[in-house]
Amino acid sequence: MIIALRIGLALGGLLLVYMGFGFLTDPVTSAANFGIAVDGAHGLTSIRADMTAFFCVSGACFIWGAWSRRSDPLVIGAALMLVTLATRLVALSAYGSFEGYVPPMVVEALLGIFGLIGARVLPEKTGA
């Protein structure tokens, strides 16, 4: 079960890094896939920097935590996913639903929950 959790967290991390790389290399298309219209150099810079940082750092935290069996990066990655999920729930209640709103929320919930579970069970206990 531990191996499956580590693999799942690492694969989730790879997915996030892949998405971040998309924002780095093609911010206009990646932003459009998120329903964001990019206008001018300011918008391109903001999307490229902010979204790349969010996805790559959260993905790196999951990969690092799963690989090294450390709880601290997993907690950071889980916190990023759960804050995003909470914000989506607030926005859903404020603006209503739209086509395709469920899959990102499911991914965020799963990564957040599994990140917290991994932070609890993966670190090896040493000494006593």
C-alpha atoms as a PDB file:
ATOM      1  CA  MET A   1       0.000   0.000   0.000  1.00  0.00           C
ATOM      2  CA  ILE A   2       2.883   2.375   0.771  1.00  0.00           C
ATOM      3  CA  ILE A   3       4.375   1.786  -2.668  1.00  0.00           C
ATOM      4  CA  ALA A   4       1.029   2.495  -4.357  1.00  0.00           C
ATOM      5  CA  LEU A   5       0.669   5.723  -2.369  1.00  0.00           C
ATOM      6  CA  ARG A   6       4.178   6.839  -3.307  1.00  0.00           C
ATOM      7  CA  ILE A   7       3.576   6.040  -6.980  1.00  0.00           C
ATOM      8  CA  GLY A   8       0.218   7.858  -6.942  1.00  0.00           C
ATOM      9  CA  LEU A   9       1.723  10.944  -5.311  1.00  0.00           C
ATOM     10  CA  ALA A  10       4.654  10.958  -7.747  1.00  0.00           C
ATOM     11  CA  LEU A  11       2.330  10.576 -10.756  1.00  0.00           C
ATOM     12  CA  GLY A  12       0.118  13.385  -9.453  1.00  0.00           C
ATOM     13  CA  GLY A  13       3.241  15.500  -9.047  1.00  0.00           C
ATOM     14  CA  LEU A  14       4.324  14.713 -12.594  1.00  0.00           C
ATOM     15  CA  LEU A  15       0.893  15.752 -13.875  1.00  0.00           C
ATOM     16  CA  LEU A  16       1.197  19.092 -12.071  1.00  0.00           C
ATOM     17  CA  VAL A  17       4.735  19.697 -13.354  1.00  0.00           C
ATOM     18  CA  TYR A  18       3.557  18.842 -16.880  1.00  0.00           C
ATOM     19  CA  MET A  19       0.769  21.415 -16.558  1.00  0.00           C
ATOM     20  CA  GLY A  20       3.240  23.984 -15.227  1.00  0.00           C
ATOM     21  CA  PHE A  21       5.556  23.312 -18.161  1.00  0.00           C
ATOM     22  CA  GLY A  22       2.600  23.986 -20.470  1.00  0.00           C
ATOM     23  CA  PHE A  23       2.155  27.428 -18.918  1.00  0.00           C
ATOM     24  CA  LEU A  24       5.878  28.097 -19.267  1.00  0.00           C
ATOM     25  CA  THR A  25       6.094  27.127 -22.933  1.00  0.00           C
ATOM     26  CA  ASP A  26       2.628  28.094 -24.229  1.00  0.00           C
ATOM     27  CA  PRO A  27       0.837  30.371 -21.779  1.00  0.00           C
ATOM     28  CA  VAL A  28      -1.906  31.460 -24.200  1.00  0.00           C
ATOM     29  CA  THR A  29      -3.158  27.954 -24.992  1.00  0.00           C
ATOM     30  CA  SER A  30      -2.737  26.718 -21.422  1.00  0.00           C
ATOM     31  CA  ALA A  31      -4.604  29.739 -20.065  1.00  0.00           C
ATOM     32  CA  ALA A  32      -7.396  29.245 -22.615  1.00  0.00           C
ATOM     33  CA  ASN A  33      -7.789  25.652 -21.401  1.00  0.00           C
ATOM     34  CA  PHE A  34      -8.447  27.153 -17.951  1.00  0.00           C
ATOM     35  CA  GLY A  35     -10.931  29.696 -19.272  1.00  0.00           C
ATOM     36  CA  ILE A  36      -8.478  32.571 -18.918  1.00  0.00           C
ATOM     37  CA  ALA A  37      -8.097  35.156 -21.679  1.00  0.00           C
ATOM     38  CA  VAL A  38      -4.576  36.574 -21.821  1.00  0.00           C
ATOM     39  CA  ASP A  39      -4.201  40.182 -22.951  1.00  0.00           C
ATOM     40  CA  GLY A  40      -0.844  41.774 -23.679  1.00  0.00           C
ATOM     41  CA  ALA A  41       2.614  41.408 -22.184  1.00  0.00           C
ATOM     42  CA  HIS A  42       1.408  41.998 -18.620  1.00  0.00           C
ATOM     43  CA  GLY A  43      -1.130  39.184 -18.848  1.00  0.00           C
ATOM     44  CA  LEU A  44       1.339  36.837 -20.553  1.00  0.00           C
ATOM     45  CA  THR A  45       3.966  37.517 -17.913  1.00  0.00           C
ATOM     46  CA  SER A  46       1.525  37.022 -15.057  1.00  0.00           C
ATOM     47  CA  ILE A  47       0.072  33.796 -16.433  1.00  0.00           C
ATOM     48  CA  ARG A  48       3.476  32.395 -17.362  1.00  0.00           C
ATOM     49  CA  ALA A  49       5.055  33.218 -13.997  1.00  0.00           C
ATOM     50  CA  ASP A  50       2.206  32.582 -11.561  1.00  0.00           C
ATOM     51  CA  MET A  51       0.719  29.455 -13.077  1.00  0.00           C
ATOM     52  CA  THR A  52       4.109  27.905 -13.834  1.00  0.00           C
ATOM     53  CA  ALA A  53       5.204  28.535 -10.259  1.00  0.00           C
ATOM     54  CA  PHE A  54       1.986  27.162  -8.752  1.00  0.00           C
ATOM     55  CA  PHE A  55       1.907  23.952 -10.754  1.00  0.00           C
ATOM     56  CA  CYS A  56       5.645  23.236 -10.788  1.00  0.00           C
ATOM     57  CA  VAL A  57       6.167  23.919  -7.083  1.00  0.00           C
ATOM     58  CA  SER A  58       3.128  21.907  -6.001  1.00  0.00           C
ATOM     59  CA  GLY A  59       4.134  19.067  -8.325  1.00  0.00           C
ATOM     60  CA  ALA A  60       7.731  19.153  -7.108  1.00  0.00           C
ATOM     61  CA  CYS A  61       6.494  18.972  -3.515  1.00  0.00           C
ATOM     62  CA  PHE A  62       4.520  15.810  -4.251  1.00  0.00           C
ATOM     63  CA  ILE A  63       7.409  14.206  -6.128  1.00  0.00           C
ATOM     64  CA  TRP A  64       9.974  15.172  -3.487  1.00  0.00           C
ATOM     65  CA  GLY A  65       7.781  14.035  -0.607  1.00  0.00           C
ATOM     66  CA  ALA A  66       6.934  10.706  -2.251  1.00  0.00           C
ATOM     67  CA  TRP A  67      10.516  10.013  -3.307  1.00  0.00           C
ATOM     68  CA  SER A  68      12.196  10.942  -0.013  1.00  0.00           C
ATOM     69  CA  ARG A  69       9.307   9.866   2.252  1.00  0.00           C
ATOM     70  CA  ARG A  70       9.204  13.330   3.839  1.00  0.00           C
ATOM     71  CA  SER A  71       6.065  14.857   5.258  1.00  0.00           C
ATOM     72  CA  ASP A  72       6.902  18.558   4.951  1.00  0.00           C
ATOM     73  CA  PRO A  73       6.799  18.847   1.146  1.00  0.00           C
ATOM     74  CA  LEU A  74       3.679  16.666   1.055  1.00  0.00           C
ATOM     75  CA  VAL A  75       1.915  19.000   3.495  1.00  0.00           C
ATOM     76  CA  ILE A  76       2.860  21.992   1.330  1.00  0.00           C
ATOM     77  CA  GLY A  77       1.570  20.317  -1.843  1.00  0.00           C
ATOM     78  CA  ALA A  78      -1.599  19.171  -0.092  1.00  0.00           C
ATOM     79  CA  ALA A  79      -2.192  22.674   1.299  1.00  0.00           C
ATOM     80  CA  LEU A  80      -1.886  24.193  -2.175  1.00  0.00           C
ATOM     81  CA  MET A  81      -4.399  21.700  -3.585  1.00  0.00           C
ATOM     82  CA  LEU A  82      -6.878  22.038  -0.702  1.00  0.00           C
ATOM     83  CA  VAL A  83      -6.791  25.852  -0.734  1.00  0.00           C
ATOM     84  CA  THR A  84      -7.423  25.719  -4.479  1.00  0.00           C
ATOM     85  CA  LEU A  85     -10.316  23.314  -3.917  1.00  0.00           C
ATOM     86  CA  ALA A  86     -11.805  25.516  -1.186  1.00  0.00           C
ATOM     87  CA  THR A  87     -11.544  28.561  -3.441  1.00  0.00           C
ATOM     88  CA  ARG A  88     -13.249  26.678  -6.273  1.00  0.00           C
ATOM     89  CA  LEU A  89     -16.092  25.763  -3.909  1.00  0.00           C
ATOM     90  CA  VAL A  90     -16.506  29.416  -2.916  1.00  0.00           C
ATOM     91  CA  ALA A  91     -16.475  30.446  -6.585  1.00  0.00           C
ATOM     92  CA  LEU A  92     -18.946  27.677  -7.437  1.00  0.00           C
ATOM     93  CA  SER A  93     -21.391  29.002  -4.868  1.00  0.00           C
ATOM     94  CA  ALA A  94     -20.852  32.601  -6.018  1.00  0.00           C
ATOM     95  CA  TYR A  95     -20.960  32.122  -9.793  1.00  0.00           C
ATOM     96  CA  GLY A  96     -22.590  28.749 -10.340  1.00  0.00           C
ATOM     97  CA  SER A  97     -21.381  25.731 -12.237  1.00  0.00           C
ATOM     98  CA  PHE A  98     -19.962  25.508 -15.743  1.00  0.00           C
ATOM     99  CA  GLU A  99     -19.097  22.715 -18.127  1.00  0.00           C
ATOM    100  CA  GLY A 100     -16.032  20.801 -16.940  1.00  0.00           C
ATOM    101  CA  TYR A 101     -15.912  22.118 -13.371  1.00  0.00           C
ATOM    102  CA  VAL A 102     -15.859  18.676 -11.701  1.00  0.00           C
ATOM    103  CA  PRO A 103     -12.597  17.037 -12.953  1.00  0.00           C
ATOM    104  CA  PRO A 104     -10.185  19.686 -11.597  1.00  0.00           C
ATOM    105  CA  MET A 105     -11.961  19.612  -8.247  1.00  0.00           C
ATOM    106  CA  VAL A 106     -11.675  15.824  -8.076  1.00  0.00           C
ATOM    107  CA  VAL A 107      -7.941  15.970  -8.859  1.00  0.00           C
ATOM    108  CA  GLU A 108      -7.379  18.688  -6.252  1.00  0.00           C
ATOM    109  CA  ALA A 109      -9.365  16.793  -3.622  1.00  0.00           C
ATOM    110  CA  LEU A 110      -7.552  13.509  -4.293  1.00  0.00           C
ATOM    111  CA  LEU A 111      -4.091  15.065  -4.320  1.00  0.00           C
ATOM    112  CA  GLY A 112      -4.860  17.071  -1.193  1.00  0.00           C
ATOM    113  CA  ILE A 113      -6.204  14.072   0.712  1.00  0.00           C
ATOM    114  CA  PHE A 114      -3.497  11.686  -0.479  1.00  0.00           C
ATOM    115  CA  GLY A 115      -0.843  14.295   0.262  1.00  0.00           C
ATOM    116  CA  LEU A 116      -2.032  14.529   3.860  1.00  0.00           C
ATOM    117  CA  ILE A 117      -2.263  10.749   4.154  1.00  0.00           C
ATOM    118  CA  GLY A 118       1.241  10.433   2.707  1.00  0.00           C
ATOM    119  CA  ALA A 119       2.558  13.043   5.140  1.00  0.00           C
ATOM    120  CA  ARG A 120       1.204  10.941   7.974  1.00  0.00           C
ATOM    121  CA  VAL A 121       2.225   7.429   6.916  1.00  0.00           C
ATOM    122  CA  LEU A 122       5.283   7.762   4.652  1.00  0.00           C
ATOM    123  CA  PRO A 123       7.974   9.184   6.944  1.00  0.00           C
ATOM    124  CA  GLU A 124      10.048   6.416   8.455  1.00  0.00           C
ATOM    125  CA  LYS A 125      10.283   6.545  12.220  1.00  0.00           C
ATOM    126  CA  THR A 126      13.839   6.549  13.536  1.00  0.00           C
ATOM    127  CA  GLY A 127      15.053   6.130  17.092  1.00  0.00           C
ATOM    128  CA  ALA A 128      12.846   6.219  20.140  1.00  0.00           C
END
